[in-house]
C-alpha atoms as a PDB file:
ATOM      1  CA  UNK A   1     -34.220   9.060 -10.890  1.00  0.00           C
ATOM      2  CA  UNK A   2     -33.354   6.480 -13.552  1.00  0.00           C
ATOM      3  CA  UNK A   3     -31.695   9.208 -15.610  1.00  0.00           C
ATOM      4  CA  UNK A   4     -29.624  10.284 -12.620  1.00  0.00           C
ATOM      5  CA  UNK A   5     -28.516   6.703 -11.958  1.00  0.00           C
ATOM      6  CA  UNK A   6     -27.590   6.298 -15.619  1.00  0.00           C
ATOM      7  CA  UNK A   7     -25.589   9.533 -15.506  1.00  0.00           C
ATOM      8  CA  UNK A   8     -23.789   8.430 -12.328  1.00  0.00           C
ATOM      9  CA  UNK A   9     -23.074   5.040 -13.871  1.00  0.00           C
ATOM     10  CA  UNK A  10     -21.548   6.648 -16.955  1.00  0.00           C
ATOM     11  CA  UNK A  11     -19.458   8.991 -14.816  1.00  0.00           C
ATOM     12  CA  UNK A  12     -18.203   6.067 -12.743  1.00  0.00           C
ATOM     13  CA  UNK A  13     -17.332   4.104 -15.883  1.00  0.00           C
ATOM     14  CA  UNK A  14     -15.530   7.168 -17.266  1.00  0.00           C
ATOM     15  CA  UNK A  15     -13.486   7.525 -14.055  1.00  0.00           C
ATOM     16  CA  UNK A  16     -12.525   3.842 -14.119  1.00  0.00           C
ATOM     17  CA  UNK A  17     -11.532   4.086 -17.779  1.00  0.00           C
ATOM     18  CA  UNK A  18      -9.419   7.217 -17.276  1.00  0.00           C
ATOM     19  CA  UNK A  19      -7.599   5.731 -14.273  1.00  0.00           C
ATOM     20  CA  UNK A  20      -6.876   2.481 -16.119  1.00  0.00           C
ATOM     21  CA  UNK A  21      -5.564   4.432 -19.117  1.00  0.00           C
ATOM     22  CA  UNK A  22      -3.351   6.552 -16.852  1.00  0.00           C
ATOM     23  CA  UNK A  23      -1.982   3.392 -15.240  1.00  0.00           C
ATOM     24  CA  UNK A  24      -1.361   1.866 -18.664  1.00  0.00           C
ATOM     25  CA  UNK A  25       0.476   5.028 -19.721  1.00  0.00           C
ATOM     26  CA  UNK A  26       2.655   4.900 -16.608  1.00  0.00           C
ATOM     27  CA  UNK A  27       3.481   1.247 -17.315  1.00  0.00           C
ATOM     28  CA  UNK A  28       4.488   2.084 -20.893  1.00  0.00           C
ATOM     29  CA  UNK A  29       6.681   4.960 -19.722  1.00  0.00           C
ATOM     30  CA  UNK A  30       8.287   2.759 -17.070  1.00  0.00           C
ATOM     31  CA  UNK A  31       9.124   0.132 -19.674  1.00  0.00           C
ATOM     32  CA  UNK A  32      10.410   2.725 -22.150  1.00  0.00           C
ATOM     33  CA  UNK A  33      12.471   5.059 -19.955  1.00  0.00           C
ATOM     34  CA  UNK A  34      15.881   4.325 -18.517  1.00  0.00           C
ATOM     35  CA  UNK A  35      19.515   4.204 -19.524  1.00  0.00           C
ATOM     36  CA  UNK A  36      18.266   2.882 -22.866  1.00  0.00           C
ATOM     37  CA  UNK A  37      15.137   4.386 -24.441  1.00  0.00           C
ATOM     38  CA  UNK A  38      12.814   1.774 -25.922  1.00  0.00           C
ATOM     39  CA  UNK A  39      10.074   3.176 -28.130  1.00  0.00           C
ATOM     40  CA  UNK A  40       6.440   2.072 -27.725  1.00  0.00           C
ATOM     41  CA  UNK A  41       6.671   0.472 -31.183  1.00  0.00           C
ATOM     42  CA  UNK A  42       9.624  -1.622 -30.038  1.00  0.00           C
ATOM     43  CA  UNK A  43       7.699  -2.575 -26.887  1.00  0.00           C
ATOM     44  CA  UNK A  44       4.799  -3.721 -29.058  1.00  0.00           C
ATOM     45  CA  UNK A  45       7.153  -5.771 -31.212  1.00  0.00           C
ATOM     46  CA  UNK A  46       8.760  -7.282 -28.100  1.00  0.00           C
ATOM     47  CA  UNK A  47       5.495  -8.362 -26.471  1.00  0.00           C
ATOM     48  CA  UNK A  48       4.144  -9.752 -29.760  1.00  0.00           C
ATOM     49  CA  UNK A  49       7.282 -11.841 -30.286  1.00  0.00           C
ATOM     50  CA  UNK A  50       8.607  -9.902 -33.263  1.00  0.00           C
ATOM     51  CA  UNK A  51      12.044  -9.159 -31.771  1.00  0.00           C
ATOM     52  CA  UNK A  52      15.040 -11.454 -31.483  1.00  0.00           C
ATOM     53  CA  UNK A  53      15.464 -11.159 -27.719  1.00  0.00           C
ATOM     54  CA  UNK A  54      17.669  -8.065 -27.601  1.00  0.00           C
ATOM     55  CA  UNK A  55      15.406  -6.495 -24.970  1.00  0.00           C
ATOM     56  CA  UNK A  56      14.974  -9.573 -22.770  1.00  0.00           C
ATOM     57  CA  UNK A  57      17.340  -8.384 -20.064  1.00  0.00           C
ATOM     58  CA  UNK A  58      16.264  -4.726 -20.080  1.00  0.00           C
ATOM     59  CA  UNK A  59      12.513  -5.335 -20.125  1.00  0.00           C
ATOM     60  CA  UNK A  60      11.882  -8.722 -18.543  1.00  0.00           C
ATOM     61  CA  UNK A  61      14.717  -8.770 -16.016  1.00  0.00           C
ATOM     62  CA  UNK A  62      14.933  -5.086 -15.023  1.00  0.00           C
ATOM     63  CA  UNK A  63      11.894  -2.948 -15.830  1.00  0.00           C
ATOM     64  CA  UNK A  64       8.841  -5.221 -16.014  1.00  0.00           C
ATOM     65  CA  UNK A  65       9.244  -6.812 -12.552  1.00  0.00           C
ATOM     66  CA  UNK A  66       9.773  -3.391 -11.052  1.00  0.00           C
ATOM     67  CA  UNK A  67       6.660  -1.771 -12.490  1.00  0.00           C
ATOM     68  CA  UNK A  68       4.489  -4.832 -11.766  1.00  0.00           C
ATOM     69  CA  UNK A  69       5.680  -4.970  -8.160  1.00  0.00           C
ATOM     70  CA  UNK A  70       5.014  -1.230  -7.816  1.00  0.00           C
ATOM     71  CA  UNK A  71       1.438  -1.753  -9.023  1.00  0.00           C
ATOM     72  CA  UNK A  72       0.736  -4.610  -6.612  1.00  0.00           C
ATOM     73  CA  UNK A  73       2.405  -2.860  -3.656  1.00  0.00           C
ATOM     74  CA  UNK A  74       0.547   0.395  -4.325  1.00  0.00           C
ATOM     75  CA  UNK A  75      -2.777  -1.425  -4.533  1.00  0.00           C
ATOM     76  CA  UNK A  76      -2.158  -3.242  -1.249  1.00  0.00           C
ATOM     77  CA  UNK A  77      -1.155  -0.119   0.664  1.00  0.00           C
ATOM     78  CA  UNK A  78      -4.020   1.962  -0.756  1.00  0.00           C
ATOM     79  CA  UNK A  79      -6.742  -0.577   0.088  1.00  0.00           C
ATOM     80  CA  UNK A  80      -5.223  -1.138   3.543  1.00  0.00           C
ATOM     81  CA  UNK A  81      -5.486   2.606   4.161  1.00  0.00           C
ATOM     82  CA  UNK A  82      -9.082   2.710   2.909  1.00  0.00           C
ATOM     83  CA  UNK A  83     -10.036  -0.081   5.319  1.00  0.00           C
ATOM     84  CA  UNK A  84      -8.438   1.659   8.297  1.00  0.00           C
ATOM     85  CA  UNK A  85     -10.005   5.033   7.520  1.00  0.00           C
ATOM     86  CA  UNK A  86     -13.417   3.379   7.237  1.00  0.00           C
ATOM     87  CA  UNK A  87     -13.425   1.193  10.354  1.00  0.00           C
ATOM     88  CA  UNK A  88     -11.565   3.687  12.566  1.00  0.00           C
ATOM     89  CA  UNK A  89     -13.588   6.586  11.099  1.00  0.00           C
ATOM     90  CA  UNK A  90     -10.582   8.850  11.026  1.00  0.00           C
ATOM     91  CA  UNK A  91      -9.253  10.517   7.850  1.00  0.00           C
ATOM     92  CA  UNK A  92      -5.738  10.493   9.334  1.00  0.00           C
ATOM     93  CA  UNK A  93      -5.570   6.702   9.565  1.00  0.00           C
ATOM     94  CA  UNK A  94      -3.232   4.787   7.282  1.00  0.00           C
ATOM     95  CA  UNK A  95      -0.905   1.789   7.774  1.00  0.00           C
ATOM     96  CA  UNK A  96       2.250   3.897   8.021  1.00  0.00           C
ATOM     97  CA  UNK A  97       0.793   6.671  10.201  1.00  0.00           C
ATOM     98  CA  UNK A  98      -0.618   4.409  12.924  1.00  0.00           C
ATOM     99  CA  UNK A  99       2.329   2.020  12.980  1.00  0.00           C
ATOM    100  CA  UNK A 100       1.124  -1.038  11.046  1.00  0.00           C
ATOM    101  CA  UNK A 101       3.834  -0.566   8.406  1.00  0.00           C
ATOM    102  CA  UNK A 102       6.465  -0.126  11.124  1.00  0.00           C
ATOM    103  CA  UNK A 103       5.334  -3.385  12.727  1.00  0.00           C
ATOM    104  CA  UNK A 104       5.675  -5.113   9.377  1.00  0.00           C
ATOM    105  CA  UNK A 105       9.163  -3.636   9.062  1.00  0.00           C
ATOM    106  CA  UNK A 106      10.160  -5.101  12.415  1.00  0.00           C
ATOM    107  CA  UNK A 107       8.857  -8.525  11.407  1.00  0.00           C
ATOM    108  CA  UNK A 108      10.689  -8.387   8.091  1.00  0.00           C
ATOM    109  CA  UNK A 109      13.913  -7.222   9.769  1.00  0.00           C
ATOM    110  CA  UNK A 110      13.714 -10.108  12.250  1.00  0.00           C
ATOM    111  CA  UNK A 111      13.603 -12.441   9.263  1.00  0.00           C
ATOM    112  CA  UNK A 112      16.461 -10.693   7.440  1.00  0.00           C
ATOM    113  CA  UNK A 113      18.722 -10.507  10.489  1.00  0.00           C
ATOM    114  CA  UNK A 114      18.037 -13.839  12.187  1.00  0.00           C
ATOM    115  CA  UNK A 115      16.698 -16.260   9.591  1.00  0.00           C
ATOM    116  CA  UNK A 116      17.949 -15.103   6.169  1.00  0.00           C
ATOM    117  CA  UNK A 117      19.847 -18.005   4.630  1.00  0.00           C
ATOM    118  CA  UNK A 118      18.534 -20.574   7.079  1.00  0.00           C
ATOM    119  CA  UNK A 119      14.927 -20.744   5.881  1.00  0.00           C
ATOM    120  CA  UNK A 120      13.422 -19.970   2.484  1.00  0.00           C
ATOM    121  CA  UNK A 121      12.572 -16.374   1.501  1.00  0.00           C
ATOM    122  CA  UNK A 122       8.942 -17.423   0.960  1.00  0.00           C
ATOM    123  CA  UNK A 123       8.458 -16.987   4.740  1.00  0.00           C
ATOM    124  CA  UNK A 124       9.301 -13.265   4.592  1.00  0.00           C
ATOM    125  CA  UNK A 125       5.692 -12.080   4.005  1.00  0.00           C
ATOM    126  CA  UNK A 126       4.480 -14.168   6.938  1.00  0.00           C
ATOM    127  CA  UNK A 127       7.044 -12.556   9.253  1.00  0.00           C
ATOM    128  CA  UNK A 128       6.075  -9.071   8.051  1.00  0.00           C
ATOM    129  CA  UNK A 129       2.342  -9.758   8.422  1.00  0.00           C
ATOM    130  CA  UNK A 130       2.913 -11.203  11.902  1.00  0.00           C
ATOM    131  CA  UNK A 131       4.856  -8.104  12.953  1.00  0.00           C
ATOM    132  CA  UNK A 132       2.117  -5.831  11.611  1.00  0.00           C
ATOM    133  CA  UNK A 133      -0.566  -7.866  13.413  1.00  0.00           C
ATOM    134  CA  UNK A 134       1.228  -7.781  16.768  1.00  0.00           C
ATOM    135  CA  UNK A 135       1.705  -4.016  16.571  1.00  0.00           C
ATOM    136  CA  UNK A 136      -1.927  -3.480  15.533  1.00  0.00           C
ATOM    137  CA  UNK A 137      -3.124  -5.479  18.545  1.00  0.00           C
ATOM    138  CA  UNK A 138      -0.812  -3.453  20.798  1.00  0.00           C
ATOM    139  CA  UNK A 139      -2.034  -0.123  19.403  1.00  0.00           C
ATOM    140  CA  UNK A 140      -5.685  -1.102  19.641  1.00  0.00           C
ATOM    141  CA  UNK A 141      -5.229  -2.349  23.205  1.00  0.00           C
ATOM    142  CA  UNK A 142      -3.430   0.792  24.393  1.00  0.00           C
ATOM    143  CA  UNK A 143      -6.070   2.965  22.702  1.00  0.00           C
ATOM    144  CA  UNK A 144      -8.965   1.255  24.465  1.00  0.00           C
ATOM    145  CA  UNK A 145     -10.616   3.253  27.219  1.00  0.00           C
ATOM    146  CA  UNK A 146     -14.362   2.682  27.250  1.00  0.00           C
ATOM    147  CA  UNK A 147     -14.016   2.398  23.509  1.00  0.00           C
ATOM    148  CA  UNK A 148     -11.420   3.631  21.034  1.00  0.00           C
ATOM    149  CA  UNK A 149     -11.236   7.352  20.297  1.00  0.00           C
ATOM    150  CA  UNK A 150      -9.956   7.872  16.720  1.00  0.00           C
ATOM    151  CA  UNK A 151      -7.504  10.640  17.660  1.00  0.00           C
ATOM    152  CA  UNK A 152      -6.166   8.611  20.591  1.00  0.00           C
ATOM    153  CA  UNK A 153      -5.569   5.642  18.311  1.00  0.00           C
ATOM    154  CA  UNK A 154      -3.720   7.789  15.770  1.00  0.00           C
ATOM    155  CA  UNK A 155      -1.547   9.460  18.416  1.00  0.00           C
ATOM    156  CA  UNK A 156      -0.677   6.165  20.105  1.00  0.00           C
ATOM    157  CA  UNK A 157      -0.024   4.672  16.680  1.00  0.00           C
ATOM    158  CA  UNK A 158       2.430   7.459  15.862  1.00  0.00           C
ATOM    159  CA  UNK A 159       4.261   6.793  19.125  1.00  0.00           C
ATOM    160  CA  UNK A 160       4.368   3.029  18.543  1.00  0.00           C
ATOM    161  CA  UNK A 161       5.561   3.601  14.971  1.00  0.00           C
ATOM    162  CA  UNK A 162       8.468   5.696  16.272  1.00  0.00           C
ATOM    163  CA  UNK A 163       9.352   2.968  18.764  1.00  0.00           C
ATOM    164  CA  UNK A 164       9.253   0.293  16.049  1.00  0.00           C
ATOM    165  CA  UNK A 165      11.473   2.384  13.774  1.00  0.00           C
ATOM    166  CA  UNK A 166      13.932   2.712  16.637  1.00  0.00           C
ATOM    167  CA  UNK A 167      13.883  -1.075  17.068  1.00  0.00           C
ATOM    168  CA  UNK A 168      14.578  -1.551  13.366  1.00  0.00           C
ATOM    169  CA  UNK A 169      17.516   0.877  13.578  1.00  0.00           C
ATOM    170  CA  UNK A 170      18.825  -1.043  16.600  1.00  0.00           C
ATOM    171  CA  UNK A 171      18.763  -4.316  14.662  1.00  0.00           C
ATOM    172  CA  UNK A 172      20.496  -2.705  11.700  1.00  0.00           C
ATOM    173  CA  UNK A 173      23.322  -1.344  13.850  1.00  0.00           C
ATOM    174  CA  UNK A 174      24.121  -4.816  15.184  1.00  0.00           C
ATOM    175  CA  UNK A 175      23.724  -6.615  11.845  1.00  0.00           C
ATOM    176  CA  UNK A 176      26.234  -7.653   9.211  1.00  0.00           C
ATOM    177  CA  UNK A 177      27.241  -5.061   6.628  1.00  0.00           C
ATOM    178  CA  UNK A 178      25.477  -6.961   3.838  1.00  0.00           C
ATOM    179  CA  UNK A 179      22.175  -6.798   5.724  1.00  0.00           C
ATOM    180  CA  UNK A 180      22.709  -3.175   6.799  1.00  0.00           C
ATOM    181  CA  UNK A 181      23.118  -1.796   3.281  1.00  0.00           C
ATOM    182  CA  UNK A 182      20.011  -3.569   2.015  1.00  0.00           C
ATOM    183  CA  UNK A 183      17.978  -2.660   5.101  1.00  0.00           C
ATOM    184  CA  UNK A 184      18.666   1.082   4.914  1.00  0.00           C
ATOM    185  CA  UNK A 185      17.368   1.254   1.339  1.00  0.00           C
ATOM    186  CA  UNK A 186      14.465  -1.043   2.188  1.00  0.00           C
ATOM    187  CA  UNK A 187      13.420   1.071   5.210  1.00  0.00           C
ATOM    188  CA  UNK A 188      12.942   4.131   3.003  1.00  0.00           C
ATOM    189  CA  UNK A 189      10.732   2.151   0.668  1.00  0.00           C
ATOM    190  CA  UNK A 190      12.328   0.884  -2.511  1.00  0.00           C
ATOM    191  CA  UNK A 191      11.491  -1.535  -5.306  1.00  0.00           C
ATOM    192  CA  UNK A 192      15.110  -1.604  -6.462  1.00  0.00           C
ATOM    193  CA  UNK A 193      16.224  -5.079  -7.496  1.00  0.00           C
ATOM    194  CA  UNK A 194      12.708  -6.450  -7.943  1.00  0.00           C
ATOM    195  CA  UNK A 195      12.434  -9.743  -9.833  1.00  0.00           C
ATOM    196  CA  UNK A 196       9.426 -11.593 -11.196  1.00  0.00           C
ATOM    197  CA  UNK A 197       9.641 -14.044  -8.295  1.00  0.00           C
ATOM    198  CA  UNK A 198       8.774 -11.165  -5.940  1.00  0.00           C
ATOM    199  CA  UNK A 199       5.677 -10.365  -7.999  1.00  0.00           C
ATOM    200  CA  UNK A 200       4.562 -14.005  -7.988  1.00  0.00           C
ATOM    201  CA  UNK A 201       5.029 -14.256  -4.217  1.00  0.00           C
ATOM    202  CA  UNK A 202       3.193 -11.015  -3.379  1.00  0.00           C
ATOM    203  CA  UNK A 203       0.347 -11.382  -5.876  1.00  0.00           C
ATOM    204  CA  UNK A 204      -1.579 -14.145  -4.025  1.00  0.00           C
ATOM    205  CA  UNK A 205      -1.570 -12.101  -0.800  1.00  0.00           C
ATOM    206  CA  UNK A 206      -2.785  -9.019  -2.687  1.00  0.00           C
ATOM    207  CA  UNK A 207      -5.528 -10.841  -4.589  1.00  0.00           C
ATOM    208  CA  UNK A 208      -6.734 -12.617  -1.445  1.00  0.00           C
ATOM    209  CA  UNK A 209      -6.792  -9.424   0.625  1.00  0.00           C
ATOM    210  CA  UNK A 210      -8.516  -7.240  -1.974  1.00  0.00           C
ATOM    211  CA  UNK A 211     -11.103  -9.874  -2.947  1.00  0.00           C
ATOM    212  CA  UNK A 212     -11.988 -10.506   0.698  1.00  0.00           C
ATOM    213  CA  UNK A 213     -12.308  -6.742   1.202  1.00  0.00           C
ATOM    214  CA  UNK A 214     -14.732  -6.511  -1.722  1.00  0.00           C
ATOM    215  CA  UNK A 215     -16.750  -9.398  -0.265  1.00  0.00           C
ATOM    216  CA  UNK A 216     -17.078  -7.568   3.057  1.00  0.00           C
ATOM    217  CA  UNK A 217     -17.496  -4.146   1.469  1.00  0.00           C
ATOM    218  CA  UNK A 218     -21.298  -4.029   1.609  1.00  0.00           C
ATOM    219  CA  UNK A 219     -21.307  -4.322   5.388  1.00  0.00           C
ATOM    220  CA  UNK A 220     -18.958  -1.335   5.776  1.00  0.00           C
ATOM    221  CA  UNK A 221     -21.636   1.125   4.656  1.00  0.00           C
ATOM    222  CA  UNK A 222     -23.903  -0.342   7.322  1.00  0.00           C
ATOM    223  CA  UNK A 223     -21.185   0.059   9.957  1.00  0.00           C
ATOM    224  CA  UNK A 224     -20.978   3.729   9.012  1.00  0.00           C
ATOM    225  CA  UNK A 225     -24.530   4.150  10.346  1.00  0.00           C
ATOM    226  CA  UNK A 226     -23.362   3.273  13.854  1.00  0.00           C
ATOM    227  CA  UNK A 227     -22.896   0.055  15.811  1.00  0.00           C
ATOM    228  CA  UNK A 228     -26.405  -0.062  17.301  1.00  0.00           C
ATOM    229  CA  UNK A 229     -28.224   0.357  13.991  1.00  0.00           C
ATOM    230  CA  UNK A 230     -25.869  -2.045  12.236  1.00  0.00           C
ATOM    231  CA  UNK A 231     -26.495  -4.664  14.943  1.00  0.00           C
ATOM    232  CA  UNK A 232     -30.255  -4.181  14.637  1.00  0.00           C
ATOM    233  CA  UNK A 233     -29.920  -4.837  10.888  1.00  0.00           C
ATOM    234  CA  UNK A 234     -28.266  -8.173  11.596  1.00  0.00           C
ATOM    235  CA  UNK A 235     -24.623  -7.203  11.078  1.00  0.00           C
ATOM    236  CA  UNK A 236     -22.123  -8.894  13.385  1.00  0.00           C
ATOM    237  CA  UNK A 237     -20.295  -5.652  14.037  1.00  0.00           C
ATOM    238  CA  UNK A 238     -17.291  -6.840  16.031  1.00  0.00           C
ATOM    239  CA  UNK A 239     -16.643  -9.815  13.778  1.00  0.00           C
ATOM    240  CA  UNK A 240     -16.792  -7.693  10.604  1.00  0.00           C
ATOM    241  CA  UNK A 241     -14.589  -4.983  12.119  1.00  0.00           C
ATOM    242  CA  UNK A 242     -12.026  -7.573  13.250  1.00  0.00           C
ATOM    243  CA  UNK A 243     -12.085  -9.243   9.824  1.00  0.00           C
ATOM    244  CA  UNK A 244     -11.463  -5.935   8.066  1.00  0.00           C
ATOM    245  CA  UNK A 245      -8.653  -5.103  10.468  1.00  0.00           C
ATOM    246  CA  UNK A 246      -7.029  -8.458   9.717  1.00  0.00           C
ATOM    247  CA  UNK A 247      -7.313  -7.788   5.983  1.00  0.00           C
ATOM    248  CA  UNK A 248      -5.682  -4.372   6.402  1.00  0.00           C
ATOM    249  CA  UNK A 249      -2.805  -5.936   8.310  1.00  0.00           C
ATOM    250  CA  UNK A 250      -2.443  -8.686   5.688  1.00  0.00           C
ATOM    251  CA  UNK A 251      -2.302  -6.191   2.811  1.00  0.00           C
ATOM    252  CA  UNK A 252       0.043  -3.716   4.500  1.00  0.00           C
ATOM    253  CA  UNK A 253       2.326  -6.391   5.966  1.00  0.00           C
ATOM    254  CA  UNK A 254       2.756  -8.267   2.682  1.00  0.00           C
ATOM    255  CA  UNK A 255       3.494  -5.018   0.806  1.00  0.00           C
ATOM    256  CA  UNK A 256       6.112  -4.044   3.393  1.00  0.00           C
ATOM    257  CA  UNK A 257       7.792  -7.428   3.022  1.00  0.00           C
ATOM    258  CA  UNK A 258       8.650  -6.741  -0.631  1.00  0.00           C
ATOM    259  CA  UNK A 259       8.901  -2.946  -0.866  1.00  0.00           C
ATOM    260  CA  UNK A 260       9.836  -1.734   2.603  1.00  0.00           C
ATOM    261  CA  UNK A 261       8.365   1.311   4.269  1.00  0.00           C
ATOM    262  CA  UNK A 262       6.748   3.192   1.375  1.00  0.00           C
ATOM    263  CA  UNK A 263       4.747   5.795   3.254  1.00  0.00           C
ATOM    264  CA  UNK A 264       1.604   7.877   2.778  1.00  0.00           C
ATOM    265  CA  UNK A 265       0.100   5.856  -0.092  1.00  0.00           C
ATOM    266  CA  UNK A 266      -2.542   4.450   2.258  1.00  0.00           C
ATOM    267  CA  UNK A 267      -3.277   7.980   3.473  1.00  0.00           C
ATOM    268  CA  UNK A 268      -3.560   9.826   0.153  1.00  0.00           C
ATOM    269  CA  UNK A 269      -5.096   7.288  -2.244  1.00  0.00           C
ATOM    270  CA  UNK A 270      -8.418   6.845  -0.351  1.00  0.00           C
ATOM    271  CA  UNK A 271      -8.866  10.628  -0.110  1.00  0.00           C
ATOM    272  CA  UNK A 272      -8.359  11.033  -3.867  1.00  0.00           C
ATOM    273  CA  UNK A 273     -10.813   8.198  -4.539  1.00  0.00           C
ATOM    274  CA  UNK A 274     -13.466   9.793  -2.308  1.00  0.00           C
ATOM    275  CA  UNK A 275     -13.074  13.062  -4.201  1.00  0.00           C
ATOM    276  CA  UNK A 276     -13.723  11.283  -7.486  1.00  0.00           C
ATOM    277  CA  UNK A 277     -16.884   9.377  -6.521  1.00  0.00           C
ATOM    278  CA  UNK A 278     -19.615   9.684  -3.929  1.00  0.00           C
ATOM    279  CA  UNK A 279     -18.886   7.490  -0.940  1.00  0.00           C
ATOM    280  CA  UNK A 280     -19.637   3.814  -1.466  1.00  0.00           C
ATOM    281  CA  UNK A 281     -17.082   1.411  -0.062  1.00  0.00           C
ATOM    282  CA  UNK A 282     -17.847  -1.231  -2.693  1.00  0.00           C
ATOM    283  CA  UNK A 283     -16.979   1.204  -5.494  1.00  0.00           C
ATOM    284  CA  UNK A 284     -14.099   2.819  -3.626  1.00  0.00           C
ATOM    285  CA  UNK A 285     -12.046  -0.376  -3.274  1.00  0.00           C
ATOM    286  CA  UNK A 286     -11.063  -0.839  -6.965  1.00  0.00           C
ATOM    287  CA  UNK A 287     -10.640   2.891  -7.592  1.00  0.00           C
ATOM    288  CA  UNK A 288      -8.436   3.267  -4.514  1.00  0.00           C
ATOM    289  CA  UNK A 289      -6.365   0.248  -5.588  1.00  0.00           C
ATOM    290  CA  UNK A 290      -5.722   1.740  -9.051  1.00  0.00           C
ATOM    291  CA  UNK A 291      -4.833   5.159  -7.590  1.00  0.00           C
ATOM    292  CA  UNK A 292      -2.386   3.530  -5.169  1.00  0.00           C
ATOM    293  CA  UNK A 293      -0.839   1.567  -8.036  1.00  0.00           C
ATOM    294  CA  UNK A 294      -0.406   4.768 -10.058  1.00  0.00           C
ATOM    295  CA  UNK A 295       1.166   6.599  -7.092  1.00  0.00           C
ATOM    296  CA  UNK A 296       3.830   3.965  -6.414  1.00  0.00           C
ATOM    297  CA  UNK A 297       4.533   3.298 -10.110  1.00  0.00           C
ATOM    298  CA  UNK A 298       5.010   7.022 -10.825  1.00  0.00           C
ATOM    299  CA  UNK A 299       7.158   7.481  -7.710  1.00  0.00           C
ATOM    300  CA  UNK A 300       9.383   4.571  -8.699  1.00  0.00           C
ATOM    301  CA  UNK A 301       9.651   5.840 -12.281  1.00  0.00           C
ATOM    302  CA  UNK A 302      10.757   9.287 -11.075  1.00  0.00           C
ATOM    303  CA  UNK A 303      13.115   7.738  -8.514  1.00  0.00           C
ATOM    304  CA  UNK A 304      14.717   5.586 -11.194  1.00  0.00           C
ATOM    305  CA  UNK A 305      15.060   8.152 -13.979  1.00  0.00           C
ATOM    306  CA  UNK A 306      15.051  11.736 -12.645  1.00  0.00           C
ATOM    307  CA  UNK A 307      18.467  11.534 -10.986  1.00  0.00           C
ATOM    308  CA  UNK A 308      20.120   8.921 -13.197  1.00  0.00           C
ATOM    309  CA  UNK A 309      22.567   7.223 -12.631  1.00  0.00           C
ATOM    310  CA  UNK A 310      21.358   7.425  -9.019  1.00  0.00           C
ATOM    311  CA  UNK A 311      18.442   5.138  -8.200  1.00  0.00           C
ATOM    312  CA  UNK A 312      16.580   6.673  -5.273  1.00  0.00           C
ATOM    313  CA  UNK A 313      13.980   4.886  -3.110  1.00  0.00           C
ATOM    314  CA  UNK A 314      10.398   5.432  -4.264  1.00  0.00           C
ATOM    315  CA  UNK A 315       9.418   6.167  -0.654  1.00  0.00           C
ATOM    316  CA  UNK A 316      11.319   9.465  -0.822  1.00  0.00           C
ATOM    317  CA  UNK A 317       8.830  10.804  -3.373  1.00  0.00           C
ATOM    318  CA  UNK A 318       5.678   9.445  -1.740  1.00  0.00           C
ATOM    319  CA  UNK A 319       6.841  11.071   1.504  1.00  0.00           C
ATOM    320  CA  UNK A 320       7.528  14.376  -0.265  1.00  0.00           C
ATOM    321  CA  UNK A 321       3.857  14.486  -1.255  1.00  0.00           C
ATOM    322  CA  UNK A 322       2.396  12.718   1.753  1.00  0.00           C
ATOM    323  CA  UNK A 323       3.996  14.685   4.581  1.00  0.00           C
ATOM    324  CA  UNK A 324       2.466  18.064   3.568  1.00  0.00           C
ATOM    325  CA  UNK A 325      -0.860  16.318   2.918  1.00  0.00           C
ATOM    326  CA  UNK A 326      -0.787  14.815   6.419  1.00  0.00           C
ATOM    327  CA  UNK A 327      -0.086  18.239   7.947  1.00  0.00           C
ATOM    328  CA  UNK A 328      -3.022  19.632   5.968  1.00  0.00           C
ATOM    329  CA  UNK A 329      -5.321  16.895   7.304  1.00  0.00           C
ATOM    330  CA  UNK A 330      -4.130  17.566  10.855  1.00  0.00           C
ATOM    331  CA  UNK A 331      -4.930  21.251  10.418  1.00  0.00           C
ATOM    332  CA  UNK A 332      -8.322  20.604   8.862  1.00  0.00           C
ATOM    333  CA  UNK A 333      -9.338  18.183  11.632  1.00  0.00           C
ATOM    334  CA  UNK A 334      -7.798  20.089  14.532  1.00  0.00           C
ATOM    335  CA  UNK A 335     -11.147  20.703  16.258  1.00  0.00           C
ATOM    336  CA  UNK A 336     -12.410  17.103  15.976  1.00  0.00           C
ATOM    337  CA  UNK A 337     -11.975  14.624  18.828  1.00  0.00           C
END
């Protein structure tokens, strides 16, 4: 038994190491590739202070904020999806599928259309999180009928998401041209124009949400055993479930505020993580976060470089992968209620 635990521990450490190395490789490629190729040696010289500042604009102003924001956004969306799939007990659940992301989009658009220029941009995440929370409450309430059936929640969430997207389009149509252009790109999910200030503003929300999720992670495995058994073991089921739901909304809403509607990351990343390790929510949280970071960083790198000089939204590429994956999950779970 000890040998098996040691073997599992080594395998887990190996998986963590490989994922971190892949993420590091993606970061290096993102900093190197673009209109101007910067070799890894030059990157090393830049970050060790051996250059004379010729790369300050290219690296620090353009590429570094973008890749860092992609990492934080991907981590937030992935962990938010893991939380929803665990507490709803439905493999189809993710922030964008059930409408949480759309609610965050509405909140962010309300800020951009009505309050941009009148109050500081630091309030944008709060508006997005509030929109996501309101929509989540609405979805959960409409899904309740002697309890919440997972498929009913997903279907109602899809309907609410469509309604929210229609509301966002309505606001765009009646907005100024300057807001409209930015909003269309933002709706698709883009990290274009990211600056270090965006990273600094999003990072506290991400760290808070992920750390709180890790703190509550041990109770999730108990919830998986069923509400009655979890209650008998002393777990405050409703309070824990509500807390996790709030954390999912916080993570998804804050990510939407800075990157728009990047879809399917919260759906795919948890499934990949569960394929890599045996199910344990405590261990899944960091692995899922790294996988989500890799997904968004790679998507943004491809969006920025594959069709140069065009700079496409990263959400186009996550959707290209995520939509077929969602159809596959629907097919695989077609006989489950």
